[in-house]
Amino acid sequence: MGEFLSIQPSELKFPFKLREQGSCSLQLSNRTDQYIAFKVKTTNPKRYCVRPNAGVVLPNSICNVTVTMQAQKEAPPDLQCKDKFLVQSVVAPNGATNKDATQELFNKEEGKVVDEFRLRVVYIPANPPSPVPEGDEEGNSPRTSSAEDEIRRTTLSEAAQSVISKLNEEKDAALKQNLKLLGELELMRKQTRQSQGGGVSIVMLILVLLLGILVGYLIRK
């Protein structure tokens, strides 16, 4: 705390992010019944913009000062900054305005008190928060949804395998039945050649073929 002005905060904290500006505020409080002039200086004027950088705080009043740090292309090691600020304050004539806060007013002379308050600069990492995956309408997370999808795929796969297995069994049964009928047909052909009653054998052959067609139809059903 200075002799004429109460200055808050005691250090300038800037959120630091490459290629983006950062800013913070100073509050200058005049608790006296006098007009107090102030002036803000920095060791690195090209990096910072101070508004207002000089002015007059009326008796029992407060003045807010905004300090803006220009965008930086490189970050200092461990985000340690050596920049410093100096706030000078001095008693000004009654009725003084911001225009009266000239450099001459802050010249140190015998019998004149120029109060000085130093502030260091602190960089604060300005990393954005990690994105949180949004769940579905029922409040389930994407991981839960993926697990449910996997269960559905497994269930569908088991059902498909059951159907395929049943079809294969029916196919094997149909093939066996067809082979059996072909064997019987070949036997009937031999008997037809050897039999004198060829008419009766032909009828039997037709019945066997019709029976094979019927059996194949029933298996497919």
Protein backbone atom coordinates (compact mmCIF):
# COMPACT_ATOMS: atom_id res chain seq x y z
CA MET A 1 0.00 0.00 0.00
CA GLY A 2 1.32 3.40 -1.00
CA GLU A 3 1.34 6.48 1.16
CA PHE A 4 -1.24 8.33 -0.94
CA LEU A 5 -3.01 5.57 -2.83
CA SER A 6 -4.15 2.08 -1.92
CA ILE A 7 -3.26 -0.14 -4.90
CA GLN A 8 -4.86 -3.51 -5.59
CA PRO A 9 -3.78 -6.12 -6.53
CA SER A 10 -0.17 -6.16 -5.34
CA GLU A 11 1.02 -7.92 -8.54
CA LEU A 12 -0.14 -7.95 -12.15
CA LYS A 13 -1.37 -11.39 -13.22
CA PHE A 14 -1.82 -11.93 -16.95
CA PRO A 15 -3.43 -15.02 -18.50
CA PHE A 16 -0.74 -16.08 -20.98
CA LYS A 17 -1.57 -17.68 -24.32
CA LEU A 18 0.63 -17.47 -27.40
CA ARG A 19 -0.47 -14.98 -30.07
CA GLU A 20 -3.29 -13.63 -27.89
CA GLN A 21 -3.54 -10.48 -25.79
CA GLY A 22 -4.01 -10.62 -22.04
CA SER A 23 -5.19 -7.95 -19.64
CA CYS A 24 -5.65 -7.19 -15.96
CA SER A 25 -6.84 -4.25 -13.88
CA LEU A 26 -5.42 -2.04 -11.17
CA GLN A 27 -7.60 -0.27 -8.65
CA LEU A 28 -6.22 2.98 -7.26
CA SER A 29 -8.07 4.13 -4.12
CA ASN A 30 -7.63 7.63 -2.69
CA ARG A 31 -8.59 7.54 0.98
CA THR A 32 -7.41 11.07 1.65
CA ASP A 33 -9.12 14.46 1.35
CA GLN A 34 -6.56 15.62 -1.22
CA TYR A 35 -6.26 15.42 -4.97
CA ILE A 36 -3.71 12.69 -5.80
CA ALA A 37 -1.99 12.52 -9.18
CA PHE A 38 -0.62 9.19 -10.41
CA LYS A 39 1.59 7.92 -13.19
CA VAL A 40 2.15 4.26 -14.26
CA LYS A 41 5.52 3.20 -15.71
CA THR A 42 6.89 -0.14 -16.85
CA THR A 43 10.30 -1.61 -17.65
CA ASN A 44 8.95 -2.91 -21.00
CA PRO A 45 6.70 -0.19 -22.51
CA LYS A 46 6.57 -1.88 -25.95
CA ARG A 47 4.89 -4.97 -24.48
CA TYR A 48 2.17 -3.27 -22.43
CA CYS A 49 -0.56 -0.72 -23.01
CA VAL A 50 -1.79 1.18 -19.93
CA ARG A 51 -5.07 3.11 -19.96
CA PRO A 52 -5.00 5.61 -18.37
CA ASN A 53 -1.27 5.72 -17.72
CA ALA A 54 -1.59 9.03 -15.79
CA GLY A 55 -4.36 10.99 -14.13
CA VAL A 56 -5.80 12.44 -10.94
CA VAL A 57 -7.80 10.54 -8.34
CA LEU A 58 -10.29 12.76 -6.56
CA PRO A 59 -10.53 12.76 -2.75
CA ASN A 60 -12.12 9.57 -1.38
CA SER A 61 -12.49 8.18 -4.87
CA ILE A 62 -11.34 5.20 -6.91
CA CYS A 63 -9.70 5.03 -10.34
CA ASN A 64 -9.47 1.81 -12.38
CA VAL A 65 -6.47 1.29 -14.66
CA THR A 66 -6.43 -1.41 -17.38
CA VAL A 67 -3.11 -2.96 -18.39
CA THR A 68 -3.08 -4.91 -21.66
CA MET A 69 -0.22 -7.20 -22.66
CA GLN A 70 0.41 -7.46 -26.38
CA ALA A 71 0.26 -10.88 -28.07
CA GLN A 72 3.52 -12.80 -27.68
CA LYS A 73 5.03 -15.17 -30.27
CA GLU A 74 7.18 -17.05 -27.75
CA ALA A 75 6.70 -18.03 -24.13
CA PRO A 76 9.46 -17.27 -21.61
CA PRO A 77 11.09 -20.26 -19.85
CA ASP A 78 8.73 -21.64 -17.19
CA LEU A 79 6.48 -18.62 -17.86
CA GLN A 80 8.74 -16.51 -15.64
CA CYS A 81 8.55 -12.78 -16.40
CA LYS A 82 11.07 -10.15 -15.33
CA ASP A 83 8.90 -7.15 -16.28
CA LYS A 84 7.97 -4.72 -13.54
CA PHE A 85 5.59 -1.79 -13.06
CA LEU A 86 5.94 1.37 -11.02
CA VAL A 87 3.03 3.49 -9.80
CA GLN A 88 4.05 6.99 -8.75
CA SER A 89 1.68 9.21 -6.79
CA VAL A 90 1.94 12.75 -5.53
CA VAL A 91 -0.31 15.36 -3.97
CA ALA A 92 -1.81 17.59 -6.68
CA PRO A 93 -3.31 21.08 -6.33
CA ASN A 94 -6.98 21.23 -5.35
CA GLY A 95 -9.21 21.06 -8.39
CA ALA A 96 -6.52 19.40 -10.54
CA THR A 97 -7.65 17.36 -13.56
CA ASN A 98 -6.09 14.53 -15.54
CA LYS A 99 -4.41 17.08 -17.81
CA ASP A 100 -2.46 18.38 -14.82
CA ALA A 101 -0.74 15.00 -14.27
CA THR A 102 2.35 16.03 -16.25
CA GLN A 103 5.88 14.73 -15.82
CA GLU A 104 6.91 17.95 -14.03
CA LEU A 105 4.46 17.15 -11.25
CA PHE A 106 6.39 13.96 -10.46
CA ASN A 107 9.86 15.49 -10.45
CA LYS A 108 11.53 14.85 -7.12
CA GLU A 109 12.36 18.09 -5.34
CA GLU A 110 13.36 19.02 -1.83
CA GLY A 111 10.38 19.00 0.49
CA LYS A 112 8.23 17.16 -2.07
CA VAL A 113 7.08 13.59 -1.51
CA VAL A 114 6.68 11.32 -4.54
CA ASP A 115 5.37 7.95 -3.42
CA GLU A 116 6.38 4.87 -5.44
CA PHE A 117 4.75 1.44 -5.48
CA ARG A 118 6.32 -1.43 -7.42
CA LEU A 119 4.46 -4.40 -8.90
CA ARG A 120 5.87 -7.51 -10.51
CA VAL A 121 4.32 -9.31 -13.48
CA VAL A 122 3.07 -12.89 -13.20
CA TYR A 123 2.02 -15.04 -16.17
CA ILE A 124 -0.76 -17.54 -15.64
CA PRO A 125 -1.24 -20.43 -18.11
CA ALA A 126 -4.46 -19.90 -20.04
CA ASN A 127 -5.07 -23.47 -21.22
CA PRO A 128 -8.63 -24.25 -22.27
CA PRO A 129 -10.46 -26.94 -20.26
CA SER A 130 -10.38 -30.47 -21.63
CA PRO A 131 -13.49 -31.23 -23.64
CA VAL A 132 -15.88 -33.59 -21.85
CA PRO A 133 -17.65 -36.11 -24.14
CA GLU A 134 -21.37 -35.54 -24.14
CA GLY A 135 -23.65 -38.48 -23.45
CA ASP A 136 -26.80 -39.38 -25.31
CA GLU A 137 -30.30 -38.25 -24.36
CA GLU A 138 -30.53 -40.93 -21.66
CA GLY A 139 -27.30 -39.75 -20.05
CA ASN A 140 -25.15 -42.60 -21.31
CA SER A 141 -21.55 -41.89 -22.29
CA PRO A 142 -20.15 -42.76 -25.73
CA ARG A 143 -18.17 -45.59 -24.11
CA THR A 144 -21.40 -47.12 -22.75
CA SER A 145 -23.07 -46.76 -26.13
CA SER A 146 -20.15 -48.52 -27.79
CA ALA A 147 -20.44 -51.40 -25.32
CA GLU A 148 -24.15 -51.71 -26.03
CA ASP A 149 -23.48 -51.66 -29.76
CA GLU A 150 -20.93 -54.44 -29.31
CA ILE A 151 -23.50 -56.53 -27.40
CA ARG A 152 -26.06 -55.95 -30.14
CA ARG A 153 -23.55 -56.97 -32.81
CA THR A 154 -22.64 -60.11 -30.84
CA THR A 155 -26.31 -61.05 -30.40
CA LEU A 156 -27.02 -60.51 -34.08
CA SER A 157 -23.95 -62.53 -35.01
CA GLU A 158 -25.04 -65.46 -32.83
CA ALA A 159 -28.54 -65.39 -34.32
CA ALA A 160 -27.11 -65.32 -37.85
CA GLN A 161 -24.81 -68.23 -37.06
CA SER A 162 -27.76 -70.24 -35.71
CA VAL A 163 -29.75 -69.63 -38.90
CA ILE A 164 -26.76 -70.54 -41.09
CA SER A 165 -26.15 -73.70 -39.09
CA LYS A 166 -29.78 -74.76 -39.47
CA LEU A 167 -29.70 -74.10 -43.22
CA ASN A 168 -26.50 -76.14 -43.55
CA GLU A 169 -28.11 -79.04 -41.72
CA GLU A 170 -31.13 -78.91 -44.02
CA LYS A 171 -28.82 -78.69 -47.03
CA ASP A 172 -26.87 -81.77 -45.89
CA ALA A 173 -30.10 -83.70 -45.34
CA ALA A 174 -31.34 -82.75 -48.82
CA LEU A 175 -28.04 -83.84 -50.40
CA LYS A 176 -28.17 -87.20 -48.61
CA GLN A 177 -31.76 -87.70 -49.70
CA ASN A 178 -30.90 -86.82 -53.30
CA LEU A 179 -27.98 -89.25 -53.29
CA LYS A 180 -30.24 -91.97 -51.93
CA LEU A 181 -32.83 -91.30 -54.64
CA LEU A 182 -30.15 -91.31 -57.34
CA GLY A 183 -28.97 -94.69 -56.09
CA GLU A 184 -32.48 -96.05 -56.16
CA LEU A 185 -32.99 -94.57 -59.64
CA GLU A 186 -29.84 -96.27 -60.93
CA LEU A 187 -31.00 -99.54 -59.41
CA MET A 188 -34.39 -99.17 -61.04
CA ARG A 189 -32.75 -98.53 -64.41
CA LYS A 190 -30.78 -101.79 -64.13
CA GLN A 191 -33.89 -103.70 -63.16
CA THR A 192 -35.78 -102.13 -66.06
CA ARG A 193 -33.22 -103.37 -68.55
CA GLN A 194 -33.38 -106.89 -67.10
CA SER A 195 -37.14 -107.05 -66.55
CA GLN A 196 -39.50 -108.21 -69.22
CA GLY A 197 -42.35 -106.20 -67.79
CA GLY A 198 -40.86 -102.91 -68.76
CA GLY A 199 -44.20 -101.12 -68.45
CA VAL A 200 -44.53 -101.83 -64.74
CA SER A 201 -40.88 -100.75 -64.11
CA ILE A 202 -41.39 -97.44 -65.87
CA VAL A 203 -44.38 -96.71 -63.68
CA MET A 204 -42.34 -97.44 -60.59
CA LEU A 205 -39.56 -95.17 -61.90
CA ILE A 206 -42.01 -92.31 -62.32
CA LEU A 207 -43.32 -92.85 -58.78
CA VAL A 208 -39.81 -92.76 -57.36
CA LEU A 209 -39.05 -89.49 -59.19
CA LEU A 210 -42.27 -87.93 -57.95
CA LEU A 211 -41.43 -89.08 -54.44
CA GLY A 212 -37.96 -87.46 -54.70
CA ILE A 213 -39.49 -84.17 -55.85
CA LEU A 214 -41.95 -84.24 -52.95
CA VAL A 215 -39.24 -84.96 -50.41
CA GLY A 216 -37.06 -82.13 -51.75
CA TYR A 217 -39.99 -79.72 -51.54
CA LEU A 218 -40.75 -80.70 -47.93
CA ILE A 219 -37.08 -80.23 -46.93
CA ARG A 220 -36.99 -76.76 -48.42
CA LYS A 221 -40.15 -75.84 -46.52
